[in-house]
Amino acid sequence: MLARYATHCWAVLGLCASQAIAALCTSNLLIDNFRGSMWRRNSLGLKVGDDGTMAAITVDLADGLITFVPGRMSYFYETLPCIDTVASGYGELAFTMKGPKDSSIALEIQTTKSSTDTASKSSWRYVAGFTGELQRMTVPINSFVGANANAVNAFIWST
């Protein structure tokens, strides 16, 4: 089944985890707002894109909207500098997305053992409850079982 997903300001990593950490976190970290002249780079200047198997993908840079129709096993990724989400106070990944009613997606986080390590480890979780309307989704970083929240370097939306 092909599904149409649309999102804008897809990935805002942030929202302080607790009052104890709130002093560290002064604002959300904008990963990508899909605006400006650089489509294959996110707001952090790092690579963003799909695996080349999307049935369709369009980006409206003026409105900050990406629309894609995934092919079988397609994915869309956002790379990050190595972020220690614990020390920085970032507790959630938040994104605005429109998906078919009652659909779900797999969300992957890639982490390393440390900021100097190059070998990534992937952890997945499902995000469900799409209403068919544009909605804000928040996913706690600590909900990715086995992920190292001290060295986050990518998020991937798939399935």
C-alpha atoms as a PDB file:
ATOM      1  CA  MET A   1       0.000   0.000   0.000  1.00  0.00           C
ATOM      2  CA  LEU A   2       1.336   3.419  -0.903  1.00  0.00           C
ATOM      3  CA  ALA A   3       0.640   6.111   1.632  1.00  0.00           C
ATOM      4  CA  ARG A   4       1.000   9.857   1.391  1.00  0.00           C
ATOM      5  CA  TYR A   5       2.797  11.566   4.216  1.00  0.00           C
ATOM      6  CA  ALA A   6       3.247  15.295   4.479  1.00  0.00           C
ATOM      7  CA  THR A   7       5.107  17.233   7.077  1.00  0.00           C
ATOM      8  CA  HIS A   8       6.513  20.629   7.739  1.00  0.00           C
ATOM      9  CA  CYS A   9       9.057  21.629  10.308  1.00  0.00           C
ATOM     10  CA  TRP A  10       9.570  17.871  10.386  1.00  0.00           C
ATOM     11  CA  ALA A  11      12.070  17.530  13.149  1.00  0.00           C
ATOM     12  CA  VAL A  12      12.438  19.753  16.159  1.00  0.00           C
ATOM     13  CA  LEU A  13      14.517  17.970  18.748  1.00  0.00           C
ATOM     14  CA  GLY A  14      13.927  19.353  22.165  1.00  0.00           C
ATOM     15  CA  LEU A  15      11.534  20.036  24.967  1.00  0.00           C
ATOM     16  CA  CYS A  16      13.289  19.935  28.310  1.00  0.00           C
ATOM     17  CA  ALA A  17      13.163  16.559  30.013  1.00  0.00           C
ATOM     18  CA  SER A  18      12.743  17.674  33.610  1.00  0.00           C
ATOM     19  CA  GLN A  19      13.026  20.689  35.883  1.00  0.00           C
ATOM     20  CA  ALA A  20      16.468  19.512  36.980  1.00  0.00           C
ATOM     21  CA  ILE A  21      17.664  19.618  33.386  1.00  0.00           C
ATOM     22  CA  ALA A  22      15.566  22.627  32.351  1.00  0.00           C
ATOM     23  CA  ALA A  23      18.383  25.033  33.139  1.00  0.00           C
ATOM     24  CA  LEU A  24      20.512  23.308  30.485  1.00  0.00           C
ATOM     25  CA  CYS A  25      17.852  23.451  27.807  1.00  0.00           C
ATOM     26  CA  THR A  26      17.179  27.056  26.827  1.00  0.00           C
ATOM     27  CA  SER A  27      15.269  26.268  23.639  1.00  0.00           C
ATOM     28  CA  ASN A  28      14.364  23.491  21.242  1.00  0.00           C
ATOM     29  CA  LEU A  29      16.909  22.443  18.660  1.00  0.00           C
ATOM     30  CA  LEU A  30      15.562  22.900  15.154  1.00  0.00           C
ATOM     31  CA  ILE A  31      16.832  20.071  12.975  1.00  0.00           C
ATOM     32  CA  ASP A  32      14.940  20.875   9.777  1.00  0.00           C
ATOM     33  CA  ASN A  33      12.236  23.305   8.733  1.00  0.00           C
ATOM     34  CA  PHE A  34      12.441  22.528   4.985  1.00  0.00           C
ATOM     35  CA  ARG A  35      12.849  26.210   4.118  1.00  0.00           C
ATOM     36  CA  GLY A  36      15.553  28.058   2.243  1.00  0.00           C
ATOM     37  CA  SER A  37      17.628  27.210  -0.766  1.00  0.00           C
ATOM     38  CA  MET A  38      19.375  24.061   0.440  1.00  0.00           C
ATOM     39  CA  TRP A  39      17.078  21.039   0.044  1.00  0.00           C
ATOM     40  CA  ARG A  40      19.572  18.241   0.757  1.00  0.00           C
ATOM     41  CA  ARG A  41      20.901  19.921   3.933  1.00  0.00           C
ATOM     42  CA  ASN A  42      18.966  20.399   7.162  1.00  0.00           C
ATOM     43  CA  SER A  43      18.936  23.462   9.408  1.00  0.00           C
ATOM     44  CA  LEU A  44      22.143  22.174  11.026  1.00  0.00           C
ATOM     45  CA  GLY A  45      23.919  22.025   7.632  1.00  0.00           C
ATOM     46  CA  LEU A  46      24.015  18.214   7.581  1.00  0.00           C
ATOM     47  CA  LYS A  47      22.740  15.650   5.074  1.00  0.00           C
ATOM     48  CA  VAL A  48      19.035  14.914   4.727  1.00  0.00           C
ATOM     49  CA  GLY A  49      17.209  12.834   2.161  1.00  0.00           C
ATOM     50  CA  ASP A  50      15.625   9.605   1.121  1.00  0.00           C
ATOM     51  CA  ASP A  51      17.001   6.280  -0.019  1.00  0.00           C
ATOM     52  CA  GLY A  52      16.003   6.860  -3.651  1.00  0.00           C
ATOM     53  CA  THR A  53      13.025   4.474  -3.566  1.00  0.00           C
ATOM     54  CA  MET A  54      10.257   6.980  -2.913  1.00  0.00           C
ATOM     55  CA  ALA A  55       7.432   6.757  -5.413  1.00  0.00           C
ATOM     56  CA  ALA A  56       7.289  10.568  -5.231  1.00  0.00           C
ATOM     57  CA  ILE A  57       8.908  13.293  -3.166  1.00  0.00           C
ATOM     58  CA  THR A  58       8.472  17.058  -3.411  1.00  0.00           C
ATOM     59  CA  VAL A  59       9.692  19.913  -1.264  1.00  0.00           C
ATOM     60  CA  ASP A  60       7.991  23.312  -1.069  1.00  0.00           C
ATOM     61  CA  LEU A  61      10.803  25.503   0.277  1.00  0.00           C
ATOM     62  CA  ALA A  62       8.565  28.560   0.565  1.00  0.00           C
ATOM     63  CA  ASP A  63       6.049  26.827   2.857  1.00  0.00           C
ATOM     64  CA  GLY A  64       8.514  24.449   4.504  1.00  0.00           C
ATOM     65  CA  LEU A  65       6.560  21.388   3.422  1.00  0.00           C
ATOM     66  CA  ILE A  66       7.832  18.024   2.263  1.00  0.00           C
ATOM     67  CA  THR A  67       5.438  15.548   0.705  1.00  0.00           C
ATOM     68  CA  PHE A  68       6.378  12.004  -0.126  1.00  0.00           C
ATOM     69  CA  VAL A  69       4.800   8.778  -1.254  1.00  0.00           C
ATOM     70  CA  PRO A  70       6.991   5.930  -0.011  1.00  0.00           C
ATOM     71  CA  GLY A  71       7.805   2.899  -2.082  1.00  0.00           C
ATOM     72  CA  ARG A  72       8.216  -0.496  -0.484  1.00  0.00           C
ATOM     73  CA  MET A  73      10.711  -0.202   2.408  1.00  0.00           C
ATOM     74  CA  SER A  74      11.497   3.476   1.667  1.00  0.00           C
ATOM     75  CA  TYR A  75      13.029   5.700   4.291  1.00  0.00           C
ATOM     76  CA  PHE A  76      13.778   9.367   4.917  1.00  0.00           C
ATOM     77  CA  TYR A  77      16.691  10.448   7.111  1.00  0.00           C
ATOM     78  CA  GLU A  78      18.041  13.450   9.010  1.00  0.00           C
ATOM     79  CA  THR A  79      21.657  13.424  10.162  1.00  0.00           C
ATOM     80  CA  LEU A  80      22.848  15.320  13.223  1.00  0.00           C
ATOM     81  CA  PRO A  81      26.136  16.255  14.758  1.00  0.00           C
ATOM     82  CA  CYS A  82      26.726  13.879  17.656  1.00  0.00           C
ATOM     83  CA  ILE A  83      24.345  15.251  20.303  1.00  0.00           C
ATOM     84  CA  ASP A  84      24.397  14.321  23.962  1.00  0.00           C
ATOM     85  CA  THR A  85      20.650  14.709  24.518  1.00  0.00           C
ATOM     86  CA  VAL A  86      20.996  13.978  28.236  1.00  0.00           C
ATOM     87  CA  ALA A  87      23.590  16.674  28.967  1.00  0.00           C
ATOM     88  CA  SER A  88      21.831  19.119  26.622  1.00  0.00           C
ATOM     89  CA  GLY A  89      18.442  18.562  28.225  1.00  0.00           C
ATOM     90  CA  TYR A  90      16.705  17.379  25.059  1.00  0.00           C
ATOM     91  CA  GLY A  91      14.152  14.731  25.951  1.00  0.00           C
ATOM     92  CA  GLU A  92      11.969  14.312  22.871  1.00  0.00           C
ATOM     93  CA  LEU A  93      11.912  14.331  19.116  1.00  0.00           C
ATOM     94  CA  ALA A  94       8.910  16.328  17.925  1.00  0.00           C
ATOM     95  CA  PHE A  95       7.626  16.521  14.379  1.00  0.00           C
ATOM     96  CA  THR A  96       4.483  17.567  12.558  1.00  0.00           C
ATOM     97  CA  MET A  97       3.190  15.017  10.097  1.00  0.00           C
ATOM     98  CA  LYS A  98       0.091  13.991   8.214  1.00  0.00           C
ATOM     99  CA  GLY A  99      -0.342  10.279   7.642  1.00  0.00           C
ATOM    100  CA  PRO A 100      -3.305   8.119   6.621  1.00  0.00           C
ATOM    101  CA  LYS A 101      -5.861   7.549   9.384  1.00  0.00           C
ATOM    102  CA  ASP A 102      -4.869   4.701  11.715  1.00  0.00           C
ATOM    103  CA  SER A 103      -1.452   4.315  10.058  1.00  0.00           C
ATOM    104  CA  SER A 104       1.898   3.975  11.777  1.00  0.00           C
ATOM    105  CA  ILE A 105       5.537   4.509  10.905  1.00  0.00           C
ATOM    106  CA  ALA A 106       8.806   3.081  12.130  1.00  0.00           C
ATOM    107  CA  LEU A 107      11.107   5.687  13.622  1.00  0.00           C
ATOM    108  CA  GLU A 108      14.777   4.819  13.966  1.00  0.00           C
ATOM    109  CA  ILE A 109      17.398   6.539  16.073  1.00  0.00           C
ATOM    110  CA  GLN A 110      21.079   6.045  15.324  1.00  0.00           C
ATOM    111  CA  THR A 111      23.561   6.409  18.136  1.00  0.00           C
ATOM    112  CA  THR A 112      27.226   5.666  18.735  1.00  0.00           C
ATOM    113  CA  LYS A 113      29.143   4.652  21.862  1.00  0.00           C
ATOM    114  CA  SER A 114      30.695   8.130  22.036  1.00  0.00           C
ATOM    115  CA  SER A 115      31.002  11.269  19.940  1.00  0.00           C
ATOM    116  CA  THR A 116      34.330  10.049  18.532  1.00  0.00           C
ATOM    117  CA  ASP A 117      33.022   6.601  17.532  1.00  0.00           C
ATOM    118  CA  THR A 118      31.972   6.086  13.890  1.00  0.00           C
ATOM    119  CA  ALA A 119      30.060   2.791  14.237  1.00  0.00           C
ATOM    120  CA  SER A 120      26.338   3.517  14.567  1.00  0.00           C
ATOM    121  CA  LYS A 121      23.793   1.394  16.382  1.00  0.00           C
ATOM    122  CA  SER A 122      20.134   1.539  15.392  1.00  0.00           C
ATOM    123  CA  SER A 123      17.101   1.320  17.663  1.00  0.00           C
ATOM    124  CA  TRP A 124      13.514   1.450  16.410  1.00  0.00           C
ATOM    125  CA  ARG A 125      10.050   2.124  17.700  1.00  0.00           C
ATOM    126  CA  TYR A 126       6.671   2.542  16.084  1.00  0.00           C
ATOM    127  CA  VAL A 127       4.779   5.798  16.054  1.00  0.00           C
ATOM    128  CA  ALA A 128       1.042   5.205  15.694  1.00  0.00           C
ATOM    129  CA  GLY A 129      -2.189   7.094  16.040  1.00  0.00           C
ATOM    130  CA  PHE A 130      -2.228   9.113  12.847  1.00  0.00           C
ATOM    131  CA  THR A 131      -5.593  10.799  12.342  1.00  0.00           C
ATOM    132  CA  GLY A 132      -5.413  11.666   8.649  1.00  0.00           C
ATOM    133  CA  GLU A 133      -4.858  15.311   9.605  1.00  0.00           C
ATOM    134  CA  LEU A 134      -1.700  17.300  10.195  1.00  0.00           C
ATOM    135  CA  GLN A 135      -0.635  16.603  13.787  1.00  0.00           C
ATOM    136  CA  ARG A 136       2.292  17.109  16.108  1.00  0.00           C
ATOM    137  CA  MET A 137       3.929  13.904  17.298  1.00  0.00           C
ATOM    138  CA  THR A 138       6.398  13.723  20.174  1.00  0.00           C
ATOM    139  CA  VAL A 139       8.615  10.723  20.842  1.00  0.00           C
ATOM    140  CA  PRO A 140      10.658  10.509  24.054  1.00  0.00           C
ATOM    141  CA  ILE A 141      14.332   9.827  23.367  1.00  0.00           C
ATOM    142  CA  ASN A 142      14.362   7.309  26.224  1.00  0.00           C
ATOM    143  CA  SER A 143      11.651   5.236  24.490  1.00  0.00           C
ATOM    144  CA  PHE A 144      14.247   3.875  22.043  1.00  0.00           C
ATOM    145  CA  VAL A 145      15.344   0.690  23.825  1.00  0.00           C
ATOM    146  CA  GLY A 146      19.112   0.222  23.768  1.00  0.00           C
ATOM    147  CA  ALA A 147      19.894   3.641  22.263  1.00  0.00           C
ATOM    148  CA  ASN A 148      22.705   5.736  23.724  1.00  0.00           C
ATOM    149  CA  ALA A 149      21.055   9.094  24.406  1.00  0.00           C
ATOM    150  CA  ASN A 150      24.543  10.529  25.028  1.00  0.00           C
ATOM    151  CA  ALA A 151      25.554  10.223  21.355  1.00  0.00           C
ATOM    152  CA  VAL A 152      22.615  10.680  18.930  1.00  0.00           C
ATOM    153  CA  ASN A 153      23.564  11.194  15.268  1.00  0.00           C
ATOM    154  CA  ALA A 154      20.490  10.481  13.078  1.00  0.00           C
ATOM    155  CA  PHE A 155      16.760   9.889  12.867  1.00  0.00           C
ATOM    156  CA  ILE A 156      15.123   7.834  10.103  1.00  0.00           C
ATOM    157  CA  TRP A 157      11.404   7.611   9.258  1.00  0.00           C
ATOM    158  CA  SER A 158      10.360   4.455   7.402  1.00  0.00           C
ATOM    159  CA  THR A 159       7.836   1.709   6.664  1.00  0.00           C
END
